[in-house]
Amino acid sequence: YFKTSKSQICQDYFVASYFNFKSNGVFIEFGATDGIKDSNTYSLEKQLNWSGVLVEPIKSFYTKLKENRDAICLNNVVYNTSGNNIPFIESKTKELSTIKGYEMLDKHNRDINNSLIYDIETISLQDIIEKHLPHKEIDYLSIDTEGSEYQILKNIDFNVYNFKIITVEHNYTKNRQKIYKLLTSFGYERILSNISRWDDYYISNS
């Protein structure tokens, strides 16, 4: 069924196995990098014919992302509203890049003095769904935005949108508990927290 995992801690294998390795699922992934390295959706797309939307704010990653993937690719930063230009910090270690103001919210030690800072247009999760995946059930939502995860999630109307699985990076910050309270209030259950390390895995019970 599943030959290789590209995820850091086998998130893709967890998702595939949860759905009994079904084909033609639908995903959304934030922080997609080049679409291959540490990707939570590459193997789902290439091995199980899943489709969806990938969002990556860093231009050099985005160029490679479009080459590497068949899914819809967006060069935006996901935030609570769409159409705003906000400052974005491109860290020397690009995978640690984040929205300005969130750089101190996780445990990564970024060298801001050696970072690029530029404006990038925001897009909300709601607009991603309405524009690109209308009337589709979203099987899997993967969020790795280096600090802004809670801000993104708290602006989603979970009474309208349901995601069967959400994996969200927390990096052991105070936002982990905020995310837990938010998602469990909408019927999500956190599972496998003893092995998921810096991510949390949530499944929908609705």
N, C-alpha and C. Protein backbone atom coordinates (compact mmCIF):
# COMPACT_ATOMS: atom_id res chain seq x y z
N TYR A 1 0.81 -1.21 0.00
CA TYR A 1 0.00 0.00 0.00
C TYR A 1 0.85 1.27 0.00
N PHE A 2 1.85 1.31 0.86
CA PHE A 2 2.52 2.57 1.16
C PHE A 2 4.01 2.29 1.29
N LYS A 3 4.76 2.68 0.30
CA LYS A 3 6.15 2.26 0.22
C LYS A 3 7.09 3.13 1.03
N THR A 4 6.88 4.44 0.99
CA THR A 4 7.80 5.34 1.67
C THR A 4 7.05 6.45 2.38
N SER A 5 7.59 6.90 3.50
CA SER A 5 7.07 8.05 4.22
C SER A 5 8.03 9.22 4.03
N LYS A 6 7.49 10.39 3.73
CA LYS A 6 8.30 11.60 3.62
C LYS A 6 8.17 12.49 4.86
N SER A 7 7.22 12.20 5.71
CA SER A 7 7.00 13.02 6.90
C SER A 7 8.14 12.87 7.90
N GLN A 8 8.25 13.84 8.79
CA GLN A 8 9.29 13.78 9.81
C GLN A 8 9.04 12.63 10.79
N ILE A 9 7.81 12.46 11.21
CA ILE A 9 7.48 11.43 12.21
C ILE A 9 6.29 10.59 11.74
N CYS A 10 6.28 10.29 10.45
CA CYS A 10 5.32 9.34 9.86
C CYS A 10 3.86 9.80 9.95
N GLN A 11 3.64 11.13 9.91
CA GLN A 11 2.26 11.60 9.90
C GLN A 11 1.51 11.06 8.69
N ASP A 12 2.18 11.00 7.54
CA ASP A 12 1.52 10.52 6.33
C ASP A 12 1.10 9.06 6.47
N TYR A 13 1.93 8.26 7.09
CA TYR A 13 1.59 6.85 7.29
C TYR A 13 0.42 6.71 8.27
N PHE A 14 0.42 7.53 9.31
CA PHE A 14 -0.71 7.51 10.24
C PHE A 14 -2.01 7.83 9.53
N VAL A 15 -2.00 8.88 8.70
CA VAL A 15 -3.21 9.26 7.98
C VAL A 15 -3.65 8.15 7.03
N ALA A 16 -2.71 7.63 6.27
CA ALA A 16 -3.04 6.57 5.31
C ALA A 16 -3.62 5.35 6.02
N SER A 17 -3.01 4.95 7.11
CA SER A 17 -3.48 3.75 7.82
C SER A 17 -4.82 4.00 8.49
N TYR A 18 -5.04 5.22 8.99
CA TYR A 18 -6.33 5.54 9.61
C TYR A 18 -7.47 5.36 8.61
N PHE A 19 -7.22 5.75 7.37
CA PHE A 19 -8.23 5.61 6.32
C PHE A 19 -8.13 4.29 5.57
N ASN A 20 -7.40 3.34 6.16
CA ASN A 20 -7.26 2.01 5.55
C ASN A 20 -6.69 2.11 4.13
N PHE A 21 -5.75 3.05 3.96
CA PHE A 21 -5.02 3.22 2.70
C PHE A 21 -5.96 3.48 1.52
N LYS A 22 -7.02 4.25 1.78
CA LYS A 22 -7.96 4.56 0.71
C LYS A 22 -7.32 5.48 -0.31
N SER A 23 -7.80 5.45 -1.53
CA SER A 23 -7.32 6.33 -2.59
C SER A 23 -8.26 7.52 -2.74
N ASN A 24 -7.76 8.56 -3.43
CA ASN A 24 -8.55 9.73 -3.81
C ASN A 24 -9.09 10.52 -2.62
N GLY A 25 -8.31 10.58 -1.55
CA GLY A 25 -8.67 11.45 -0.44
C GLY A 25 -8.33 12.90 -0.76
N VAL A 26 -8.69 13.80 0.17
CA VAL A 26 -8.49 15.24 -0.02
C VAL A 26 -7.73 15.80 1.17
N PHE A 27 -6.70 16.61 0.88
CA PHE A 27 -5.87 17.19 1.94
C PHE A 27 -5.69 18.69 1.74
N ILE A 28 -5.31 19.35 2.84
CA ILE A 28 -4.80 20.72 2.83
C ILE A 28 -3.55 20.71 3.70
N GLU A 29 -2.45 21.28 3.19
CA GLU A 29 -1.22 21.32 3.97
C GLU A 29 -0.65 22.73 3.97
N PHE A 30 -0.42 23.27 5.17
CA PHE A 30 0.21 24.58 5.34
C PHE A 30 1.66 24.36 5.75
N GLY A 31 2.54 25.14 5.14
CA GLY A 31 3.97 24.95 5.39
C GLY A 31 4.48 23.78 4.58
N ALA A 32 4.21 23.83 3.27
CA ALA A 32 4.46 22.68 2.39
C ALA A 32 5.91 22.56 1.95
N THR A 33 6.73 23.54 2.20
CA THR A 33 8.14 23.63 1.76
C THR A 33 8.24 23.29 0.26
N ASP A 34 9.13 22.37 -0.11
CA ASP A 34 9.28 22.07 -1.55
C ASP A 34 8.35 20.94 -2.00
N GLY A 35 7.48 20.51 -1.10
CA GLY A 35 6.51 19.49 -1.46
C GLY A 35 6.98 18.07 -1.29
N ILE A 36 8.27 17.89 -1.00
CA ILE A 36 8.81 16.54 -0.82
C ILE A 36 9.43 16.39 0.57
N LYS A 37 10.43 17.21 0.88
CA LYS A 37 11.15 17.08 2.16
C LYS A 37 10.20 17.33 3.33
N ASP A 38 10.11 16.38 4.21
CA ASP A 38 9.27 16.47 5.40
C ASP A 38 7.79 16.69 5.08
N SER A 39 7.38 16.34 3.88
CA SER A 39 5.99 16.58 3.49
C SER A 39 5.06 15.56 4.13
N ASN A 40 3.94 16.04 4.66
CA ASN A 40 2.94 15.15 5.22
C ASN A 40 1.94 14.64 4.18
N THR A 41 2.05 15.15 2.94
CA THR A 41 1.05 14.77 1.93
C THR A 41 1.64 14.23 0.64
N TYR A 42 2.95 14.30 0.47
CA TYR A 42 3.57 13.84 -0.79
C TYR A 42 3.22 12.38 -1.07
N SER A 43 3.42 11.52 -0.11
CA SER A 43 3.17 10.10 -0.34
C SER A 43 1.68 9.81 -0.52
N LEU A 44 0.83 10.58 0.14
CA LEU A 44 -0.61 10.42 -0.06
C LEU A 44 -0.97 10.74 -1.51
N GLU A 45 -0.37 11.80 -2.05
CA GLU A 45 -0.64 12.20 -3.43
C GLU A 45 -0.07 11.20 -4.42
N LYS A 46 1.19 10.85 -4.24
CA LYS A 46 1.89 10.05 -5.25
C LYS A 46 1.56 8.56 -5.17
N GLN A 47 1.26 8.07 -3.99
CA GLN A 47 1.02 6.63 -3.84
C GLN A 47 -0.45 6.25 -3.74
N LEU A 48 -1.28 7.19 -3.27
CA LEU A 48 -2.70 6.89 -3.09
C LEU A 48 -3.62 7.81 -3.88
N ASN A 49 -3.03 8.66 -4.73
CA ASN A 49 -3.80 9.51 -5.64
C ASN A 49 -4.69 10.51 -4.90
N TRP A 50 -4.23 11.00 -3.75
CA TRP A 50 -4.95 12.06 -3.07
C TRP A 50 -4.70 13.39 -3.79
N SER A 51 -5.57 14.35 -3.54
CA SER A 51 -5.44 15.69 -4.13
C SER A 51 -5.78 16.72 -3.07
N GLY A 52 -5.50 17.99 -3.39
CA GLY A 52 -5.81 19.02 -2.42
C GLY A 52 -5.07 20.31 -2.69
N VAL A 53 -4.79 21.04 -1.61
CA VAL A 53 -4.18 22.37 -1.69
C VAL A 53 -2.95 22.42 -0.79
N LEU A 54 -1.87 22.98 -1.33
CA LEU A 54 -0.61 23.18 -0.60
C LEU A 54 -0.32 24.67 -0.53
N VAL A 55 0.03 25.16 0.64
CA VAL A 55 0.32 26.58 0.81
C VAL A 55 1.74 26.74 1.33
N GLU A 56 2.52 27.56 0.63
CA GLU A 56 3.92 27.79 1.02
C GLU A 56 4.29 29.25 0.75
N PRO A 57 4.66 30.02 1.78
CA PRO A 57 4.97 31.44 1.58
C PRO A 57 6.35 31.73 1.01
N ILE A 58 7.32 30.86 1.22
CA ILE A 58 8.69 31.15 0.79
C ILE A 58 8.83 30.93 -0.71
N LYS A 59 9.27 31.96 -1.42
CA LYS A 59 9.25 31.93 -2.89
C LYS A 59 10.10 30.81 -3.46
N SER A 60 11.30 30.61 -2.91
CA SER A 60 12.17 29.57 -3.46
C SER A 60 11.58 28.18 -3.24
N PHE A 61 10.97 27.96 -2.10
CA PHE A 61 10.27 26.69 -1.86
C PHE A 61 9.09 26.55 -2.81
N TYR A 62 8.35 27.65 -2.99
CA TYR A 62 7.14 27.61 -3.81
C TYR A 62 7.45 27.22 -5.25
N THR A 63 8.54 27.74 -5.79
CA THR A 63 8.94 27.39 -7.16
C THR A 63 9.16 25.88 -7.29
N LYS A 64 9.84 25.30 -6.32
CA LYS A 64 10.07 23.85 -6.34
C LYS A 64 8.78 23.08 -6.07
N LEU A 65 7.95 23.63 -5.22
CA LEU A 65 6.68 22.99 -4.88
C LEU A 65 5.83 22.76 -6.12
N LYS A 66 5.74 23.78 -6.96
CA LYS A 66 4.94 23.65 -8.19
C LYS A 66 5.50 22.59 -9.12
N GLU A 67 6.82 22.44 -9.12
CA GLU A 67 7.45 21.44 -9.98
C GLU A 67 7.24 20.02 -9.44
N ASN A 68 7.21 19.91 -8.12
CA ASN A 68 7.22 18.59 -7.49
C ASN A 68 5.84 17.99 -7.27
N ARG A 69 4.81 18.82 -7.30
CA ARG A 69 3.50 18.34 -6.88
C ARG A 69 2.41 18.60 -7.92
N ASP A 70 1.38 17.77 -7.88
CA ASP A 70 0.23 17.92 -8.77
C ASP A 70 -0.90 18.70 -8.12
N ALA A 71 -0.88 18.83 -6.81
CA ALA A 71 -1.94 19.53 -6.09
C ALA A 71 -1.92 21.02 -6.41
N ILE A 72 -2.99 21.71 -6.05
CA ILE A 72 -3.05 23.16 -6.17
C ILE A 72 -2.02 23.78 -5.22
N CYS A 73 -1.20 24.69 -5.72
CA CYS A 73 -0.14 25.31 -4.92
C CYS A 73 -0.38 26.82 -4.81
N LEU A 74 -0.32 27.35 -3.61
CA LEU A 74 -0.55 28.76 -3.36
C LEU A 74 0.66 29.38 -2.68
N ASN A 75 1.09 30.54 -3.19
CA ASN A 75 2.21 31.28 -2.60
C ASN A 75 1.65 32.38 -1.70
N ASN A 76 1.13 31.96 -0.57
CA ASN A 76 0.54 32.86 0.42
C ASN A 76 0.99 32.43 1.81
N VAL A 77 0.60 33.24 2.79
CA VAL A 77 0.74 32.82 4.18
C VAL A 77 -0.67 32.70 4.75
N VAL A 78 -0.94 31.59 5.40
CA VAL A 78 -2.27 31.36 5.95
C VAL A 78 -2.42 32.12 7.26
N TYR A 79 -3.55 32.85 7.35
CA TYR A 79 -3.80 33.64 8.56
C TYR A 79 -5.30 33.72 8.77
N ASN A 80 -5.73 34.59 9.69
CA ASN A 80 -7.14 34.60 10.05
C ASN A 80 -8.01 35.30 9.01
N THR A 81 -7.44 36.19 8.20
CA THR A 81 -8.18 36.85 7.13
C THR A 81 -7.37 36.83 5.84
N SER A 82 -8.04 37.07 4.73
CA SER A 82 -7.38 37.07 3.42
C SER A 82 -7.13 38.49 2.92
N GLY A 83 -6.16 38.62 2.02
CA GLY A 83 -5.97 39.86 1.28
C GLY A 83 -5.15 40.92 1.96
N ASN A 84 -4.57 40.62 3.11
CA ASN A 84 -3.70 41.57 3.79
C ASN A 84 -2.24 41.24 3.50
N ASN A 85 -1.41 42.26 3.38
CA ASN A 85 0.03 42.05 3.25
C ASN A 85 0.68 42.24 4.61
N ILE A 86 1.31 41.19 5.11
CA ILE A 86 1.90 41.24 6.44
C ILE A 86 3.37 40.84 6.37
N PRO A 87 4.20 41.34 7.30
CA PRO A 87 5.63 41.02 7.26
C PRO A 87 5.88 39.56 7.63
N PHE A 88 6.74 38.94 6.86
CA PHE A 88 7.08 37.53 7.03
C PHE A 88 8.59 37.41 7.19
N ILE A 89 9.03 36.61 8.14
CA ILE A 89 10.45 36.41 8.40
C ILE A 89 10.90 35.11 7.75
N GLU A 90 11.77 35.22 6.75
CA GLU A 90 12.37 34.04 6.14
C GLU A 90 13.68 33.76 6.85
N SER A 91 13.67 32.77 7.69
CA SER A 91 14.83 32.42 8.51
C SER A 91 15.93 31.81 7.66
N LYS A 92 17.15 31.89 8.17
CA LYS A 92 18.27 31.24 7.48
C LYS A 92 17.99 29.75 7.32
N THR A 93 17.42 29.13 8.35
CA THR A 93 16.87 27.78 8.24
C THR A 93 15.44 27.94 7.78
N LYS A 94 15.20 27.78 6.49
CA LYS A 94 13.93 28.21 5.90
C LYS A 94 12.71 27.54 6.51
N GLU A 95 12.88 26.29 6.96
CA GLU A 95 11.75 25.57 7.54
C GLU A 95 11.24 26.22 8.83
N LEU A 96 12.02 27.12 9.42
CA LEU A 96 11.64 27.78 10.66
C LEU A 96 11.07 29.18 10.43
N SER A 97 10.84 29.55 9.18
CA SER A 97 10.31 30.87 8.85
C SER A 97 8.89 31.03 9.38
N THR A 98 8.50 32.28 9.67
CA THR A 98 7.19 32.50 10.26
C THR A 98 6.75 33.94 10.08
N ILE A 99 5.49 34.19 10.40
CA ILE A 99 4.96 35.55 10.39
C ILE A 99 5.67 36.37 11.47
N LYS A 100 6.01 37.62 11.13
CA LYS A 100 6.66 38.50 12.11
C LYS A 100 5.72 38.70 13.30
N GLY A 101 6.27 38.53 14.48
CA GLY A 101 5.48 38.60 15.70
C GLY A 101 5.27 37.25 16.34
N TYR A 102 5.50 36.20 15.55
CA TYR A 102 5.35 34.83 16.07
C TYR A 102 6.70 34.14 16.26
N GLU A 103 7.78 34.85 15.96
CA GLU A 103 9.09 34.19 15.95
C GLU A 103 9.56 33.78 17.35
N MET A 104 8.99 34.38 18.38
CA MET A 104 9.42 34.03 19.73
C MET A 104 8.44 33.10 20.44
N LEU A 105 7.42 32.62 19.72
CA LEU A 105 6.38 31.83 20.37
C LEU A 105 6.69 30.35 20.44
N ASP A 106 7.73 29.90 19.74
CA ASP A 106 8.09 28.49 19.87
C ASP A 106 9.52 28.37 20.41
N LYS A 107 10.03 27.18 20.44
CA LYS A 107 11.31 26.95 21.10
C LYS A 107 12.50 26.94 20.14
N HIS A 108 12.25 27.33 18.89
CA HIS A 108 13.36 27.40 17.95
C HIS A 108 14.13 28.69 18.15
N ASN A 109 15.42 28.62 18.07
CA ASN A 109 16.28 29.79 18.23
C ASN A 109 16.63 30.33 16.84
N ARG A 110 15.89 31.33 16.41
CA ARG A 110 16.12 31.88 15.07
C ARG A 110 17.11 33.04 15.14
N ASP A 111 17.98 33.12 14.16
CA ASP A 111 18.90 34.25 14.05
C ASP A 111 18.22 35.30 13.18
N ILE A 112 17.45 36.17 13.83
CA ILE A 112 16.66 37.16 13.09
C ILE A 112 17.55 38.12 12.32
N ASN A 113 18.75 38.38 12.84
CA ASN A 113 19.65 39.32 12.17
C ASN A 113 20.10 38.81 10.80
N ASN A 114 20.07 37.51 10.61
CA ASN A 114 20.45 36.95 9.31
C ASN A 114 19.24 36.45 8.53
N SER A 115 18.08 37.04 8.81
CA SER A 115 16.85 36.64 8.14
C SER A 115 16.41 37.71 7.15
N LEU A 116 15.65 37.27 6.15
CA LEU A 116 14.98 38.19 5.24
C LEU A 116 13.61 38.51 5.79
N ILE A 117 13.18 39.75 5.66
CA ILE A 117 11.83 40.14 6.07
C ILE A 117 11.16 40.82 4.89
N TYR A 118 10.01 40.29 4.49
CA TYR A 118 9.28 40.87 3.37
C TYR A 118 7.79 40.66 3.57
N ASP A 119 6.98 41.45 2.87
CA ASP A 119 5.53 41.34 2.97
C ASP A 119 5.01 40.23 2.07
N ILE A 120 4.00 39.53 2.55
CA ILE A 120 3.36 38.49 1.75
C ILE A 120 1.86 38.52 2.02
N GLU A 121 1.09 38.18 1.01
CA GLU A 121 -0.37 38.27 1.12
C GLU A 121 -0.94 37.09 1.90
N THR A 122 -1.87 37.40 2.77
CA THR A 122 -2.51 36.37 3.58
C THR A 122 -3.68 35.72 2.84
N ILE A 123 -4.00 34.51 3.27
CA ILE A 123 -5.21 33.83 2.83
C ILE A 123 -5.74 33.04 4.02
N SER A 124 -7.05 33.04 4.18
CA SER A 124 -7.65 32.30 5.29
C SER A 124 -7.98 30.88 4.85
N LEU A 125 -8.08 30.00 5.82
CA LEU A 125 -8.44 28.61 5.52
C LEU A 125 -9.83 28.55 4.89
N GLN A 126 -10.74 29.37 5.39
CA GLN A 126 -12.09 29.39 4.82
C GLN A 126 -12.06 29.73 3.33
N ASP A 127 -11.26 30.72 2.95
CA ASP A 127 -11.19 31.10 1.54
C ASP A 127 -10.50 30.03 0.70
N ILE A 128 -9.53 29.34 1.27
CA ILE A 128 -8.90 28.23 0.54
C ILE A 128 -9.94 27.19 0.18
N ILE A 129 -10.76 26.84 1.16
CA ILE A 129 -11.79 25.82 0.91
C ILE A 129 -12.83 26.32 -0.08
N GLU A 130 -13.32 27.54 0.11
CA GLU A 130 -14.39 28.05 -0.75
C GLU A 130 -13.92 28.24 -2.19
N LYS A 131 -12.67 28.63 -2.38
CA LYS A 131 -12.17 28.89 -3.73
C LYS A 131 -11.69 27.63 -4.44
N HIS A 132 -11.13 26.70 -3.68
CA HIS A 132 -10.43 25.59 -4.33
C HIS A 132 -11.02 24.21 -4.03
N LEU A 133 -11.75 24.08 -2.94
CA LEU A 133 -12.29 22.76 -2.57
C LEU A 133 -13.76 22.86 -2.14
N PRO A 134 -14.58 23.58 -2.91
CA PRO A 134 -15.98 23.73 -2.50
C PRO A 134 -16.71 22.39 -2.50
N HIS A 135 -17.55 22.23 -1.49
CA HIS A 135 -18.42 21.04 -1.40
C HIS A 135 -17.63 19.75 -1.27
N LYS A 136 -16.39 19.84 -0.83
CA LYS A 136 -15.60 18.62 -0.66
C LYS A 136 -15.35 18.36 0.82
N GLU A 137 -15.43 17.10 1.19
CA GLU A 137 -15.02 16.72 2.53
C GLU A 137 -13.49 16.72 2.59
N ILE A 138 -12.95 17.34 3.61
CA ILE A 138 -11.50 17.39 3.76
C ILE A 138 -11.09 16.25 4.69
N ASP A 139 -10.36 15.31 4.15
CA ASP A 139 -9.94 14.18 4.97
C ASP A 139 -8.84 14.57 5.95
N TYR A 140 -7.93 15.44 5.50
CA TYR A 140 -6.72 15.67 6.30
C TYR A 140 -6.28 17.12 6.19
N LEU A 141 -6.10 17.76 7.34
CA LEU A 141 -5.55 19.11 7.44
C LEU A 141 -4.24 19.04 8.20
N SER A 142 -3.16 19.50 7.57
CA SER A 142 -1.83 19.51 8.17
C SER A 142 -1.37 20.95 8.36
N ILE A 143 -1.08 21.33 9.60
CA ILE A 143 -0.70 22.72 9.90
C ILE A 143 0.66 22.76 10.57
N ASP A 144 1.60 23.40 9.91
CA ASP A 144 2.94 23.61 10.45
C ASP A 144 3.37 25.00 10.04
N THR A 145 3.03 26.00 10.86
CA THR A 145 3.27 27.40 10.48
C THR A 145 4.17 28.12 11.47
N GLU A 146 4.86 27.37 12.32
CA GLU A 146 5.89 27.92 13.21
C GLU A 146 5.37 29.02 14.13
N GLY A 147 4.24 28.74 14.80
CA GLY A 147 3.78 29.64 15.85
C GLY A 147 2.38 30.19 15.68
N SER A 148 1.87 30.26 14.44
CA SER A 148 0.56 30.88 14.21
C SER A 148 -0.57 29.86 14.11
N GLU A 149 -0.32 28.62 14.49
CA GLU A 149 -1.31 27.55 14.33
C GLU A 149 -2.62 27.85 15.06
N TYR A 150 -2.53 28.30 16.30
CA TYR A 150 -3.75 28.58 17.06
C TYR A 150 -4.54 29.71 16.44
N GLN A 151 -3.85 30.75 15.99
CA GLN A 151 -4.52 31.89 15.37
C GLN A 151 -5.31 31.46 14.14
N ILE A 152 -4.76 30.53 13.38
CA ILE A 152 -5.45 30.01 12.20
C ILE A 152 -6.68 29.20 12.61
N LEU A 153 -6.50 28.30 13.55
CA LEU A 153 -7.58 27.39 13.93
C LEU A 153 -8.73 28.10 14.61
N LYS A 154 -8.45 29.11 15.43
CA LYS A 154 -9.53 29.72 16.19
C LYS A 154 -10.47 30.54 15.31
N ASN A 155 -10.08 30.81 14.07
CA ASN A 155 -10.93 31.56 13.16
C ASN A 155 -11.68 30.67 12.17
N ILE A 156 -11.63 29.36 12.38
CA ILE A 156 -12.37 28.42 11.54
C ILE A 156 -13.73 28.15 12.16
N ASP A 157 -14.77 28.17 11.34
CA ASP A 157 -16.11 27.80 11.80
C ASP A 157 -16.24 26.28 11.70
N PHE A 158 -15.98 25.61 12.80
CA PHE A 158 -16.01 24.15 12.79
C PHE A 158 -17.43 23.61 12.72
N ASN A 159 -18.42 24.48 12.86
CA ASN A 159 -19.80 24.05 12.63
C ASN A 159 -20.11 23.93 11.14
N VAL A 160 -19.28 24.56 10.32
CA VAL A 160 -19.45 24.51 8.86
C VAL A 160 -18.46 23.55 8.23
N TYR A 161 -17.22 23.59 8.68
CA TYR A 161 -16.15 22.80 8.06
C TYR A 161 -15.71 21.68 9.01
N ASN A 162 -15.61 20.50 8.46
CA ASN A 162 -15.16 19.35 9.24
C ASN A 162 -13.94 18.72 8.57
N PHE A 163 -12.93 18.46 9.37
CA PHE A 163 -11.71 17.80 8.90
C PHE A 163 -11.61 16.48 9.66
N LYS A 164 -11.50 15.39 8.94
CA LYS A 164 -11.52 14.09 9.60
C LYS A 164 -10.28 13.87 10.46
N ILE A 165 -9.14 14.36 9.99
CA ILE A 165 -7.90 14.33 10.77
C ILE A 165 -7.23 15.69 10.68
N ILE A 166 -6.74 16.17 11.81
CA ILE A 166 -5.89 17.37 11.85
C ILE A 166 -4.59 16.99 12.55
N THR A 167 -3.46 17.26 11.90
CA THR A 167 -2.19 17.22 12.62
C THR A 167 -1.68 18.65 12.70
N VAL A 168 -1.29 19.05 13.89
CA VAL A 168 -0.89 20.44 14.10
C VAL A 168 0.38 20.46 14.95
N GLU A 169 1.36 21.22 14.48
CA GLU A 169 2.61 21.35 15.23
C GLU A 169 2.39 22.26 16.43
N HIS A 170 2.92 21.88 17.57
CA HIS A 170 2.79 22.70 18.77
C HIS A 170 4.15 23.08 19.37
N ASN A 171 5.18 22.31 19.09
CA ASN A 171 6.53 22.58 19.61
C ASN A 171 6.55 22.85 21.11
N TYR A 172 5.63 22.20 21.83
CA TYR A 172 5.63 22.23 23.29
C TYR A 172 5.42 23.63 23.86
N THR A 173 4.69 24.48 23.14
CA THR A 173 4.44 25.84 23.61
C THR A 173 3.10 25.91 24.34
N LYS A 174 2.82 27.09 24.91
CA LYS A 174 1.55 27.29 25.63
C LYS A 174 0.35 27.18 24.69
N ASN A 175 0.57 27.37 23.39
CA ASN A 175 -0.54 27.25 22.45
C ASN A 175 -1.03 25.81 22.32
N ARG A 176 -0.24 24.86 22.74
CA ARG A 176 -0.68 23.46 22.65
C ARG A 176 -1.98 23.26 23.42
N GLN A 177 -2.05 23.80 24.64
CA GLN A 177 -3.25 23.63 25.45
C GLN A 177 -4.42 24.43 24.88
N LYS A 178 -4.14 25.60 24.32
CA LYS A 178 -5.20 26.39 23.69
C LYS A 178 -5.80 25.63 22.51
N ILE A 179 -4.94 25.03 21.70
CA ILE A 179 -5.42 24.26 20.55
C ILE A 179 -6.23 23.06 21.03
N TYR A 180 -5.76 22.41 22.07
CA TYR A 180 -6.48 21.26 22.62
C TYR A 180 -7.89 21.66 23.08
N LYS A 181 -7.99 22.74 23.84
CA LYS A 181 -9.30 23.18 24.33
C LYS A 181 -10.22 23.55 23.17
N LEU A 182 -9.67 24.22 22.17
CA LEU A 182 -10.47 24.63 21.02
C LEU A 182 -11.01 23.42 20.27
N LEU A 183 -10.13 22.52 19.89
CA LEU A 183 -10.55 21.40 19.04
C LEU A 183 -11.42 20.40 19.79
N THR A 184 -11.12 20.14 21.05
CA THR A 184 -11.98 19.21 21.79
C THR A 184 -13.37 19.80 22.03
N SER A 185 -13.48 21.12 22.08
CA SER A 185 -14.80 21.74 22.24
C SER A 185 -15.68 21.53 21.02
N PHE A 186 -15.05 21.21 19.89
CA PHE A 186 -15.81 20.92 18.67
C PHE A 186 -15.83 19.42 18.34
N GLY A 187 -15.57 18.61 19.34
CA GLY A 187 -15.74 17.18 19.16
C GLY A 187 -14.54 16.43 18.63
N TYR A 188 -13.39 17.09 18.57
CA TYR A 188 -12.17 16.38 18.14
C TYR A 188 -11.54 15.67 19.33
N GLU A 189 -10.88 14.59 19.04
CA GLU A 189 -10.19 13.81 20.06
C GLU A 189 -8.70 13.76 19.74
N ARG A 190 -7.87 14.08 20.73
CA ARG A 190 -6.42 13.98 20.55
C ARG A 190 -5.99 12.54 20.82
N ILE A 191 -5.21 11.99 19.90
CA ILE A 191 -4.79 10.60 20.04
C ILE A 191 -3.27 10.49 19.86
N LEU A 192 -2.73 9.42 20.35
CA LEU A 192 -1.32 9.06 20.15
C LEU A 192 -0.35 10.14 20.63
N SER A 193 -0.74 10.88 21.66
CA SER A 193 0.12 11.98 22.12
C SER A 193 1.42 11.47 22.74
N ASN A 194 1.46 10.20 23.09
CA ASN A 194 2.69 9.63 23.66
C ASN A 194 3.76 9.38 22.60
N ILE A 195 3.38 9.40 21.31
CA ILE A 195 4.37 9.17 20.25
C ILE A 195 4.42 10.28 19.21
N SER A 196 3.50 11.25 19.30
CA SER A 196 3.42 12.26 18.23
C SER A 196 4.42 13.40 18.40
N ARG A 197 5.12 13.42 19.52
CA ARG A 197 6.22 14.35 19.75
C ARG A 197 5.77 15.81 19.59
N TRP A 198 6.35 16.58 18.68
CA TRP A 198 6.06 18.02 18.59
C TRP A 198 4.78 18.32 17.80
N ASP A 199 4.12 17.30 17.30
CA ASP A 199 2.81 17.43 16.66
C ASP A 199 1.74 16.86 17.59
N ASP A 200 0.50 17.30 17.39
CA ASP A 200 -0.64 16.62 17.98
C ASP A 200 -1.55 16.13 16.87
N TYR A 201 -2.12 14.96 17.08
CA TYR A 201 -3.01 14.33 16.10
C TYR A 201 -4.43 14.38 16.65
N TYR A 202 -5.34 14.92 15.86
CA TYR A 202 -6.74 15.01 16.25
C TYR A 202 -7.61 14.30 15.22
N ILE A 203 -8.60 13.56 15.71
CA ILE A 203 -9.57 12.94 14.82
C ILE A 203 -10.95 13.48 15.15
N SER A 204 -11.77 13.62 14.12
CA SER A 204 -13.12 14.14 14.29
C SER A 204 -14.06 13.01 14.70
N ASN A 205 -14.86 13.28 15.72
CA ASN A 205 -15.86 12.30 16.14
C ASN A 205 -17.25 12.63 15.63
N SER A 206 -17.33 13.61 14.74
CA SER A 206 -18.64 13.99 14.20
C SER A 206 -18.84 13.42 12.82
